[in-house]
Amino acid sequence: MKRTITLFTLALCLAIGAQAQKVQEKDIIGTWKLIIDIEEEMDEEAEEADTMLEEVIIKAVSGFVGGILDDIEIYFEFQRDNDVKITVDAYNETETETGTWYINRRGYLVIEDIDDDGDSFNISTDDDEWKLIDGILVSDEHEKNRNVYMTKVD
């Protein structure tokens, strides 16, 4: 019984430690690299496929898309003035966009891109919030499986 209580307490502590923390400016200032693990997501989709043909198609697309993503790197440089530089390195070409970021009332990061007309639009669908979990920024849409996240590079 004592061992069960100890194991339960340890599991509870680990679960609490893995919860999202409120983002603070000091936590995110700097450069972050966007990581997209499409192959893991596609493997999960393939496992849920209704037919073998569907599974084969998903796996083929996964390899193709994964190969493309290997040649693309996306960096977010968060600055103190709530500006963010979004740099995409793809196939030996670099493009940089600017945007803004803020921490919402819930304590999560929201990133907005500025288009060429100066109009602001959210770069993520459904007003994605980025949560700080175990030292990485995780999109709330991908919080469960953590296949889209940002890791700090400096």
C-alpha atoms as a PDB file:
ATOM      1  CA  MET A   1       0.000   0.000   0.000  1.00  0.00           C
ATOM      2  CA  LYS A   2       2.839   2.368   0.877  1.00  0.00           C
ATOM      3  CA  ARG A   3       4.449   1.667  -2.515  1.00  0.00           C
ATOM      4  CA  THR A   4       1.152   2.419  -4.327  1.00  0.00           C
ATOM      5  CA  ILE A   5       0.811   5.762  -2.541  1.00  0.00           C
ATOM      6  CA  THR A   6       4.435   6.644  -3.376  1.00  0.00           C
ATOM      7  CA  LEU A   7       3.934   5.748  -7.058  1.00  0.00           C
ATOM      8  CA  PHE A   8       0.679   7.725  -7.196  1.00  0.00           C
ATOM      9  CA  THR A   9       2.366  10.760  -5.623  1.00  0.00           C
ATOM     10  CA  LEU A  10       5.272  10.536  -8.079  1.00  0.00           C
ATOM     11  CA  ALA A  11       2.890  10.244 -11.059  1.00  0.00           C
ATOM     12  CA  LEU A  12       0.886  13.235  -9.820  1.00  0.00           C
ATOM     13  CA  CYS A  13       4.058  15.335  -9.446  1.00  0.00           C
ATOM     14  CA  LEU A  14       5.157  14.426 -12.988  1.00  0.00           C
ATOM     15  CA  ALA A  15       1.728  15.276 -14.393  1.00  0.00           C
ATOM     16  CA  ILE A  16       1.705  18.643 -12.673  1.00  0.00           C
ATOM     17  CA  GLY A  17       5.245  19.382 -13.882  1.00  0.00           C
ATOM     18  CA  ALA A  18       4.279  18.752 -17.528  1.00  0.00           C
ATOM     19  CA  GLN A  19       1.398  21.216 -17.538  1.00  0.00           C
ATOM     20  CA  ALA A  20       1.565  24.425 -19.495  1.00  0.00           C
ATOM     21  CA  GLN A  21       3.133  27.379 -17.770  1.00  0.00           C
ATOM     22  CA  LYS A  22       2.088  30.938 -18.327  1.00  0.00           C
ATOM     23  CA  VAL A  23       4.432  32.514 -20.840  1.00  0.00           C
ATOM     24  CA  GLN A  24       6.445  35.486 -19.669  1.00  0.00           C
ATOM     25  CA  GLU A  25       8.341  37.883 -21.911  1.00  0.00           C
ATOM     26  CA  LYS A  26      11.685  36.820 -20.462  1.00  0.00           C
ATOM     27  CA  ASP A  27      10.900  33.212 -21.415  1.00  0.00           C
ATOM     28  CA  ILE A  28      10.479  33.835 -25.124  1.00  0.00           C
ATOM     29  CA  ILE A  29      12.815  36.700 -26.048  1.00  0.00           C
ATOM     30  CA  GLY A  30      15.332  35.243 -28.491  1.00  0.00           C
ATOM     31  CA  THR A  31      15.304  32.902 -31.458  1.00  0.00           C
ATOM     32  CA  TRP A  32      13.138  29.804 -31.656  1.00  0.00           C
ATOM     33  CA  LYS A  33      13.089  27.099 -34.345  1.00  0.00           C
ATOM     34  CA  LEU A  34       9.775  25.661 -35.507  1.00  0.00           C
ATOM     35  CA  ILE A  35       9.745  21.858 -35.526  1.00  0.00           C
ATOM     36  CA  ILE A  36       7.083  20.027 -37.519  1.00  0.00           C
ATOM     37  CA  ASP A  37       7.079  16.247 -37.121  1.00  0.00           C
ATOM     38  CA  ILE A  38       4.697  15.405 -39.936  1.00  0.00           C
ATOM     39  CA  GLU A  39       5.805  11.785 -40.148  1.00  0.00           C
ATOM     40  CA  GLU A  40       4.620  11.004 -36.624  1.00  0.00           C
ATOM     41  CA  GLU A  41       1.252  12.607 -37.359  1.00  0.00           C
ATOM     42  CA  MET A  42       0.940  10.693 -40.626  1.00  0.00           C
ATOM     43  CA  ASP A  43       1.879   7.417 -38.920  1.00  0.00           C
ATOM     44  CA  GLU A  44      -0.976   7.970 -36.478  1.00  0.00           C
ATOM     45  CA  GLU A  45      -3.331   8.694 -39.392  1.00  0.00           C
ATOM     46  CA  ALA A  46      -2.135   5.563 -41.208  1.00  0.00           C
ATOM     47  CA  GLU A  47      -2.881   3.444 -38.141  1.00  0.00           C
ATOM     48  CA  GLU A  48      -6.443   4.801 -38.166  1.00  0.00           C
ATOM     49  CA  ALA A  49      -6.930   4.224 -41.894  1.00  0.00           C
ATOM     50  CA  ASP A  50     -10.066   2.374 -42.923  1.00  0.00           C
ATOM     51  CA  THR A  51      -8.475   0.437 -45.792  1.00  0.00           C
ATOM     52  CA  MET A  52      -5.029  -0.822 -46.699  1.00  0.00           C
ATOM     53  CA  LEU A  53      -5.020   1.420 -49.797  1.00  0.00           C
ATOM     54  CA  GLU A  54      -5.678   4.475 -47.652  1.00  0.00           C
ATOM     55  CA  GLU A  55      -2.841   3.441 -45.331  1.00  0.00           C
ATOM     56  CA  VAL A  56      -0.413   3.035 -48.267  1.00  0.00           C
ATOM     57  CA  ILE A  57      -1.360   6.459 -49.691  1.00  0.00           C
ATOM     58  CA  ILE A  58      -0.890   8.146 -46.316  1.00  0.00           C
ATOM     59  CA  LYS A  59       2.540   6.555 -45.852  1.00  0.00           C
ATOM     60  CA  ALA A  60       3.620   7.562 -49.376  1.00  0.00           C
ATOM     61  CA  VAL A  61       2.534  11.164 -48.835  1.00  0.00           C
ATOM     62  CA  SER A  62       4.251  11.184 -45.447  1.00  0.00           C
ATOM     63  CA  GLY A  63       7.623  10.321 -46.961  1.00  0.00           C
ATOM     64  CA  PHE A  64       7.233  12.916 -49.706  1.00  0.00           C
ATOM     65  CA  VAL A  65       6.179  15.720 -47.363  1.00  0.00           C
ATOM     66  CA  GLY A  66       8.795  14.727 -44.790  1.00  0.00           C
ATOM     67  CA  GLY A  67      11.489  15.013 -47.464  1.00  0.00           C
ATOM     68  CA  ILE A  68      10.341  18.505 -48.374  1.00  0.00           C
ATOM     69  CA  LEU A  69      10.248  19.606 -44.729  1.00  0.00           C
ATOM     70  CA  ASP A  70      13.830  18.393 -44.280  1.00  0.00           C
ATOM     71  CA  ASP A  71      14.918  21.239 -46.586  1.00  0.00           C
ATOM     72  CA  ILE A  72      12.910  23.958 -44.823  1.00  0.00           C
ATOM     73  CA  GLU A  73      13.802  25.704 -41.576  1.00  0.00           C
ATOM     74  CA  ILE A  74      11.592  28.313 -39.914  1.00  0.00           C
ATOM     75  CA  TYR A  75      12.841  30.607 -37.181  1.00  0.00           C
ATOM     76  CA  PHE A  76      10.986  33.085 -34.973  1.00  0.00           C
ATOM     77  CA  GLU A  77      13.083  35.867 -33.437  1.00  0.00           C
ATOM     78  CA  PHE A  78      11.028  37.379 -30.618  1.00  0.00           C
ATOM     79  CA  GLN A  79      12.090  40.910 -29.703  1.00  0.00           C
ATOM     80  CA  ARG A  80      11.314  42.967 -26.600  1.00  0.00           C
ATOM     81  CA  ASP A  81       9.208  45.516 -28.504  1.00  0.00           C
ATOM     82  CA  ASN A  82       6.652  42.804 -29.360  1.00  0.00           C
ATOM     83  CA  ASP A  83       8.005  42.483 -32.888  1.00  0.00           C
ATOM     84  CA  VAL A  84       8.895  39.100 -34.295  1.00  0.00           C
ATOM     85  CA  LYS A  85      11.012  38.293 -37.327  1.00  0.00           C
ATOM     86  CA  ILE A  86       9.888  35.116 -39.054  1.00  0.00           C
ATOM     87  CA  THR A  87      12.648  33.689 -41.242  1.00  0.00           C
ATOM     88  CA  VAL A  88      12.134  30.816 -43.653  1.00  0.00           C
ATOM     89  CA  ASP A  89      15.232  29.108 -45.077  1.00  0.00           C
ATOM     90  CA  ALA A  90      14.234  26.861 -47.974  1.00  0.00           C
ATOM     91  CA  TYR A  91      16.313  25.456 -50.798  1.00  0.00           C
ATOM     92  CA  ASN A  92      19.210  27.920 -50.268  1.00  0.00           C
ATOM     93  CA  GLU A  93      16.882  30.940 -50.240  1.00  0.00           C
ATOM     94  CA  THR A  94      15.905  32.994 -47.230  1.00  0.00           C
ATOM     95  CA  GLU A  95      12.801  35.095 -46.772  1.00  0.00           C
ATOM     96  CA  THR A  96      11.991  37.163 -43.702  1.00  0.00           C
ATOM     97  CA  GLU A  97       8.593  38.493 -42.664  1.00  0.00           C
ATOM     98  CA  THR A  98       7.808  40.645 -39.685  1.00  0.00           C
ATOM     99  CA  GLY A  99       4.966  40.357 -37.297  1.00  0.00           C
ATOM    100  CA  THR A 100       3.939  41.015 -33.743  1.00  0.00           C
ATOM    101  CA  TRP A 101       3.446  38.872 -30.697  1.00  0.00           C
ATOM    102  CA  TYR A 102       1.670  39.274 -27.401  1.00  0.00           C
ATOM    103  CA  ILE A 103       0.787  37.295 -24.333  1.00  0.00           C
ATOM    104  CA  ASN A 104      -2.974  36.990 -23.957  1.00  0.00           C
ATOM    105  CA  ARG A 105      -5.015  37.122 -20.751  1.00  0.00           C
ATOM    106  CA  ARG A 106      -4.686  33.379 -20.324  1.00  0.00           C
ATOM    107  CA  GLY A 107      -0.889  33.700 -20.269  1.00  0.00           C
ATOM    108  CA  TYR A 108      -0.256  32.137 -23.682  1.00  0.00           C
ATOM    109  CA  LEU A 109       1.705  33.452 -26.636  1.00  0.00           C
ATOM    110  CA  VAL A 110      -0.159  34.640 -29.742  1.00  0.00           C
ATOM    111  CA  ILE A 111       1.733  35.492 -32.951  1.00  0.00           C
ATOM    112  CA  GLU A 112       0.340  37.763 -35.662  1.00  0.00           C
ATOM    113  CA  ASP A 113       1.881  38.249 -39.090  1.00  0.00           C
ATOM    114  CA  ILE A 114       1.769  41.533 -40.990  1.00  0.00           C
ATOM    115  CA  ASP A 115       0.941  41.123 -44.677  1.00  0.00           C
ATOM    116  CA  ASP A 116       2.225  43.366 -47.468  1.00  0.00           C
ATOM    117  CA  ASP A 117      -0.788  45.694 -47.158  1.00  0.00           C
ATOM    118  CA  GLY A 118      -0.002  46.346 -43.508  1.00  0.00           C
ATOM    119  CA  ASP A 119      -3.092  44.426 -42.429  1.00  0.00           C
ATOM    120  CA  SER A 120      -2.624  42.132 -39.486  1.00  0.00           C
ATOM    121  CA  PHE A 121      -3.698  38.529 -39.601  1.00  0.00           C
ATOM    122  CA  ASN A 122      -3.049  35.610 -37.308  1.00  0.00           C
ATOM    123  CA  ILE A 123      -0.497  33.214 -38.808  1.00  0.00           C
ATOM    124  CA  SER A 124      -2.192  30.263 -37.197  1.00  0.00           C
ATOM    125  CA  THR A 125      -5.692  29.028 -37.642  1.00  0.00           C
ATOM    126  CA  ASP A 126      -8.278  29.183 -34.882  1.00  0.00           C
ATOM    127  CA  ASP A 127      -6.301  31.808 -32.932  1.00  0.00           C
ATOM    128  CA  ASP A 128      -3.617  29.333 -31.884  1.00  0.00           C
ATOM    129  CA  GLU A 129      -2.105  29.899 -28.537  1.00  0.00           C
ATOM    130  CA  TRP A 130       1.430  28.738 -27.869  1.00  0.00           C
ATOM    131  CA  LYS A 131       1.958  27.224 -24.445  1.00  0.00           C
ATOM    132  CA  LEU A 132       5.261  26.794 -22.654  1.00  0.00           C
ATOM    133  CA  ILE A 133       5.567  23.138 -21.692  1.00  0.00           C
ATOM    134  CA  ASP A 134       8.829  21.567 -20.544  1.00  0.00           C
ATOM    135  CA  GLY A 135      10.864  24.412 -22.067  1.00  0.00           C
ATOM    136  CA  ILE A 136       9.288  24.254 -25.528  1.00  0.00           C
ATOM    137  CA  LEU A 137       6.497  26.318 -27.069  1.00  0.00           C
ATOM    138  CA  VAL A 138       3.672  24.029 -28.137  1.00  0.00           C
ATOM    139  CA  SER A 139       0.732  25.042 -30.306  1.00  0.00           C
ATOM    140  CA  ASP A 140      -2.478  24.339 -28.409  1.00  0.00           C
ATOM    141  CA  GLU A 141      -3.778  22.518 -31.459  1.00  0.00           C
ATOM    142  CA  HIS A 142      -0.859  20.073 -31.173  1.00  0.00           C
ATOM    143  CA  GLU A 143      -0.476  20.026 -27.400  1.00  0.00           C
ATOM    144  CA  LYS A 144      -1.466  16.376 -26.999  1.00  0.00           C
ATOM    145  CA  ASN A 145       1.026  14.820 -29.417  1.00  0.00           C
ATOM    146  CA  ARG A 146       3.536  17.710 -29.561  1.00  0.00           C
ATOM    147  CA  ASN A 147       4.342  17.253 -33.252  1.00  0.00           C
ATOM    148  CA  VAL A 148       4.364  21.021 -33.930  1.00  0.00           C
ATOM    149  CA  TYR A 149       6.444  23.019 -31.487  1.00  0.00           C
ATOM    150  CA  MET A 150       9.241  25.561 -31.144  1.00  0.00           C
ATOM    151  CA  THR A 151      12.534  25.036 -29.397  1.00  0.00           C
ATOM    152  CA  LYS A 152      14.805  27.868 -28.286  1.00  0.00           C
ATOM    153  CA  VAL A 153      18.095  28.077 -30.183  1.00  0.00           C
ATOM    154  CA  ASP A 154      19.634  31.064 -28.338  1.00  0.00           C
END
